[in-house]
Amino acid sequence: MHLSKAIVAALFFVVLLGGTLAYGQLTPTFYDQTCPNVSSIIRDVITETLATDPRIGASLIRLHFHDCFVNGCDGSLLLDDSDTIVSEKEAGGNNNSARGFEVVDRMKALLESACPATVSCADILTIAAEESVVLVS
């Protein structure tokens, strides 16, 4: 039964990402040399958060979807408004709706400590969505 959930999750991401998989560079071994603990760091943050917030897995998957939906998976959903940009984070469909930003911030801080300037925000969202599917299945 666990394997069938993993297959459904994999198919979901294939459909979600569609053609962008052909152009992306993230593979399961992409960070093996530069940040070998990337998945475990992200998984640990999700596991810790799940103890107090059972919806965080779904929220992280939703963040990934909304990040990829507009202009591709670029991490732009995580940007705050500034004098020069109006971010997707505060856009009508996301404002007071999208959640889990503080969890992604915690992941990013831990990854910056372990592997400075290595793991992109877009990759954090992607790996977090993948780990969320596994952890909440």
C-alpha atoms as a PDB file:
ATOM      1  CA  MET A   1       0.000   0.000   0.000  1.00  0.00           C
ATOM      2  CA  HIS A   2       2.862   2.392   0.829  1.00  0.00           C
ATOM      3  CA  LEU A   3       4.389   1.834  -2.625  1.00  0.00           C
ATOM      4  CA  SER A   4       1.142   2.740  -4.383  1.00  0.00           C
ATOM      5  CA  LYS A   5       1.022   6.069  -2.502  1.00  0.00           C
ATOM      6  CA  ALA A   6       4.563   6.774  -3.645  1.00  0.00           C
ATOM      7  CA  ILE A   7       3.614   6.002  -7.243  1.00  0.00           C
ATOM      8  CA  VAL A   8       0.590   8.309  -7.030  1.00  0.00           C
ATOM      9  CA  ALA A   9       2.804  11.036  -5.561  1.00  0.00           C
ATOM     10  CA  ALA A  10       5.372  10.602  -8.325  1.00  0.00           C
ATOM     11  CA  LEU A  11       2.674  10.810 -10.995  1.00  0.00           C
ATOM     12  CA  PHE A  12       1.286  13.932  -9.323  1.00  0.00           C
ATOM     13  CA  PHE A  13       4.630  15.676  -9.615  1.00  0.00           C
ATOM     14  CA  VAL A  14       5.099  14.574 -13.226  1.00  0.00           C
ATOM     15  CA  VAL A  15       1.716  16.079 -14.094  1.00  0.00           C
ATOM     16  CA  LEU A  16       2.328  19.155 -11.937  1.00  0.00           C
ATOM     17  CA  LEU A  17       5.680  19.960 -13.459  1.00  0.00           C
ATOM     18  CA  GLY A  18       4.796  18.857 -16.974  1.00  0.00           C
ATOM     19  CA  GLY A  19       7.350  19.987 -19.489  1.00  0.00           C
ATOM     20  CA  THR A  20       9.520  21.759 -16.935  1.00  0.00           C
ATOM     21  CA  LEU A  21      11.097  18.436 -15.973  1.00  0.00           C
ATOM     22  CA  ALA A  22      12.818  18.316 -19.340  1.00  0.00           C
ATOM     23  CA  TYR A  23      14.600  21.606 -18.672  1.00  0.00           C
ATOM     24  CA  GLY A  24      15.239  21.308 -14.930  1.00  0.00           C
ATOM     25  CA  GLN A  25      18.535  20.251 -13.473  1.00  0.00           C
ATOM     26  CA  LEU A  26      17.400  18.953 -10.090  1.00  0.00           C
ATOM     27  CA  THR A  27      17.897  15.223  -9.824  1.00  0.00           C
ATOM     28  CA  PRO A  28      17.904  12.958  -6.755  1.00  0.00           C
ATOM     29  CA  THR A  29      21.720  13.104  -6.745  1.00  0.00           C
ATOM     30  CA  PHE A  30      22.164  16.786  -7.660  1.00  0.00           C
ATOM     31  CA  TYR A  31      23.420  17.818  -4.190  1.00  0.00           C
ATOM     32  CA  ASP A  32      25.287  14.604  -3.330  1.00  0.00           C
ATOM     33  CA  GLN A  33      28.693  16.297  -3.515  1.00  0.00           C
ATOM     34  CA  THR A  34      27.857  19.888  -2.562  1.00  0.00           C
ATOM     35  CA  CYS A  35      25.255  19.404   0.190  1.00  0.00           C
ATOM     36  CA  PRO A  36      24.776  15.702   0.913  1.00  0.00           C
ATOM     37  CA  ASN A  37      22.432  16.294   3.878  1.00  0.00           C
ATOM     38  CA  VAL A  38      19.977  18.538   2.033  1.00  0.00           C
ATOM     39  CA  SER A  39      17.102  16.041   2.089  1.00  0.00           C
ATOM     40  CA  SER A  40      17.620  15.003   5.693  1.00  0.00           C
ATOM     41  CA  ILE A  41      17.793  18.632   6.866  1.00  0.00           C
ATOM     42  CA  ILE A  42      14.537  19.443   5.083  1.00  0.00           C
ATOM     43  CA  ARG A  43      12.921  16.182   6.253  1.00  0.00           C
ATOM     44  CA  ASP A  44      13.907  16.884   9.880  1.00  0.00           C
ATOM     45  CA  VAL A  45      12.327  20.359   9.797  1.00  0.00           C
ATOM     46  CA  ILE A  46       9.108  18.944   8.328  1.00  0.00           C
ATOM     47  CA  THR A  47       9.010  16.087  10.850  1.00  0.00           C
ATOM     48  CA  GLU A  48       9.542  18.515  13.737  1.00  0.00           C
ATOM     49  CA  THR A  49       6.826  20.851  12.429  1.00  0.00           C
ATOM     50  CA  LEU A  50       4.350  18.022  11.812  1.00  0.00           C
ATOM     51  CA  ALA A  51       4.312  17.389  15.564  1.00  0.00           C
ATOM     52  CA  THR A  52       2.548  20.710  16.139  1.00  0.00           C
ATOM     53  CA  ASP A  53       1.077  21.411  12.699  1.00  0.00           C
ATOM     54  CA  PRO A  54      -0.338  18.346  10.940  1.00  0.00           C
ATOM     55  CA  ARG A  55      -1.288  20.442   7.876  1.00  0.00           C
ATOM     56  CA  ILE A  56       2.250  21.596   7.102  1.00  0.00           C
ATOM     57  CA  GLY A  57       2.860  18.838   4.542  1.00  0.00           C
ATOM     58  CA  ALA A  58      -0.101  19.944   2.456  1.00  0.00           C
ATOM     59  CA  SER A  59       0.891  23.589   2.909  1.00  0.00           C
ATOM     60  CA  LEU A  60       4.412  22.970   1.599  1.00  0.00           C
ATOM     61  CA  ILE A  61       3.057  21.086  -1.413  1.00  0.00           C
ATOM     62  CA  ARG A  62       0.733  24.021  -2.096  1.00  0.00           C
ATOM     63  CA  LEU A  63       3.618  26.506  -1.828  1.00  0.00           C
ATOM     64  CA  HIS A  64       5.530  24.486  -4.401  1.00  0.00           C
ATOM     65  CA  PHE A  65       2.522  24.368  -6.731  1.00  0.00           C
ATOM     66  CA  HIS A  66       1.912  28.109  -6.505  1.00  0.00           C
ATOM     67  CA  ASP A  67       5.591  28.871  -7.006  1.00  0.00           C
ATOM     68  CA  CYS A  68       5.690  26.778 -10.190  1.00  0.00           C
ATOM     69  CA  PHE A  69       2.315  27.921 -11.504  1.00  0.00           C
ATOM     70  CA  VAL A  70       3.079  31.485 -12.575  1.00  0.00           C
ATOM     71  CA  ASN A  71       6.539  31.648 -14.175  1.00  0.00           C
ATOM     72  CA  GLY A  72       8.019  28.258 -13.419  1.00  0.00           C
ATOM     73  CA  CYS A  73       9.648  26.908 -10.288  1.00  0.00           C
ATOM     74  CA  ASP A  74      11.889  29.822  -9.371  1.00  0.00           C
ATOM     75  CA  GLY A  75      11.326  30.432  -5.660  1.00  0.00           C
ATOM     76  CA  SER A  76       9.747  33.816  -6.384  1.00  0.00           C
ATOM     77  CA  LEU A  77       6.769  32.970  -4.176  1.00  0.00           C
ATOM     78  CA  LEU A  78       9.104  33.324  -1.184  1.00  0.00           C
ATOM     79  CA  LEU A  79      10.063  36.941  -1.917  1.00  0.00           C
ATOM     80  CA  ASP A  80       8.698  39.690   0.287  1.00  0.00           C
ATOM     81  CA  ASP A  81       7.312  42.933  -1.126  1.00  0.00           C
ATOM     82  CA  SER A  82       9.870  45.700  -1.536  1.00  0.00           C
ATOM     83  CA  ASP A  83      10.037  49.183  -3.004  1.00  0.00           C
ATOM     84  CA  THR A  84      10.712  47.687  -6.427  1.00  0.00           C
ATOM     85  CA  ILE A  85       8.551  44.540  -6.508  1.00  0.00           C
ATOM     86  CA  VAL A  86       5.100  43.399  -5.550  1.00  0.00           C
ATOM     87  CA  SER A  87       5.631  39.789  -4.633  1.00  0.00           C
ATOM     88  CA  GLU A  88       3.548  36.722  -5.352  1.00  0.00           C
ATOM     89  CA  LYS A  89       3.592  36.064  -1.611  1.00  0.00           C
ATOM     90  CA  GLU A  90       1.166  38.927  -0.972  1.00  0.00           C
ATOM     91  CA  ALA A  91      -0.826  38.516  -4.206  1.00  0.00           C
ATOM     92  CA  GLY A  92      -4.592  38.150  -3.895  1.00  0.00           C
ATOM     93  CA  GLY A  93      -4.756  34.373  -4.202  1.00  0.00           C
ATOM     94  CA  ASN A  94      -1.900  33.818  -1.767  1.00  0.00           C
ATOM     95  CA  ASN A  95      -2.313  36.578   0.813  1.00  0.00           C
ATOM     96  CA  ASN A  96      -3.604  35.104   4.082  1.00  0.00           C
ATOM     97  CA  SER A  97      -3.946  31.780   2.281  1.00  0.00           C
ATOM     98  CA  ALA A  98      -0.519  30.370   1.460  1.00  0.00           C
ATOM     99  CA  ARG A  99       1.273  29.258   4.612  1.00  0.00           C
ATOM    100  CA  GLY A 100       4.475  27.575   5.707  1.00  0.00           C
ATOM    101  CA  PHE A 101       6.843  30.406   4.820  1.00  0.00           C
ATOM    102  CA  GLU A 102       8.423  30.352   8.283  1.00  0.00           C
ATOM    103  CA  VAL A 103       9.104  26.617   7.897  1.00  0.00           C
ATOM    104  CA  VAL A 104      10.869  27.227   4.577  1.00  0.00           C
ATOM    105  CA  ASP A 105      12.822  30.068   6.226  1.00  0.00           C
ATOM    106  CA  ARG A 106      13.973  27.625   8.931  1.00  0.00           C
ATOM    107  CA  MET A 107      15.025  25.103   6.257  1.00  0.00           C
ATOM    108  CA  LYS A 108      16.952  27.803   4.387  1.00  0.00           C
ATOM    109  CA  ALA A 109      18.746  28.964   7.555  1.00  0.00           C
ATOM    110  CA  LEU A 110      19.825  25.415   8.435  1.00  0.00           C
ATOM    111  CA  LEU A 111      20.939  24.735   4.866  1.00  0.00           C
ATOM    112  CA  GLU A 112      22.904  27.990   4.719  1.00  0.00           C
ATOM    113  CA  SER A 113      24.670  26.940   7.911  1.00  0.00           C
ATOM    114  CA  ALA A 114      25.458  23.456   6.580  1.00  0.00           C
ATOM    115  CA  CYS A 115      26.101  24.348   2.922  1.00  0.00           C
ATOM    116  CA  PRO A 116      26.487  28.105   2.414  1.00  0.00           C
ATOM    117  CA  ALA A 117      25.238  29.563  -0.880  1.00  0.00           C
ATOM    118  CA  THR A 118      24.502  26.122  -2.330  1.00  0.00           C
ATOM    119  CA  VAL A 119      20.816  25.147  -2.231  1.00  0.00           C
ATOM    120  CA  SER A 120      18.386  27.402  -4.093  1.00  0.00           C
ATOM    121  CA  CYS A 121      15.053  28.416  -2.625  1.00  0.00           C
ATOM    122  CA  ALA A 122      13.283  26.811  -5.592  1.00  0.00           C
ATOM    123  CA  ASP A 123      15.038  23.522  -4.841  1.00  0.00           C
ATOM    124  CA  ILE A 124      14.114  23.788  -1.159  1.00  0.00           C
ATOM    125  CA  LEU A 125      10.436  24.107  -2.122  1.00  0.00           C
ATOM    126  CA  THR A 126      10.716  21.153  -4.504  1.00  0.00           C
ATOM    127  CA  ILE A 127      12.474  18.877  -2.013  1.00  0.00           C
ATOM    128  CA  ALA A 128      10.110  19.980   0.773  1.00  0.00           C
ATOM    129  CA  ALA A 129       7.097  19.075  -1.371  1.00  0.00           C
ATOM    130  CA  GLU A 130       8.615  15.686  -2.171  1.00  0.00           C
ATOM    131  CA  GLU A 131       9.477  14.952   1.467  1.00  0.00           C
ATOM    132  CA  SER A 132       6.014  16.114   2.558  1.00  0.00           C
ATOM    133  CA  VAL A 133       4.373  13.543   0.297  1.00  0.00           C
ATOM    134  CA  VAL A 134       6.532  10.799   1.779  1.00  0.00           C
ATOM    135  CA  LEU A 135       6.103  11.896   5.410  1.00  0.00           C
ATOM    136  CA  VAL A 136       2.328  12.356   5.379  1.00  0.00           C
ATOM    137  CA  SER A 137       1.525   9.247   3.326  1.00  0.00           C
END
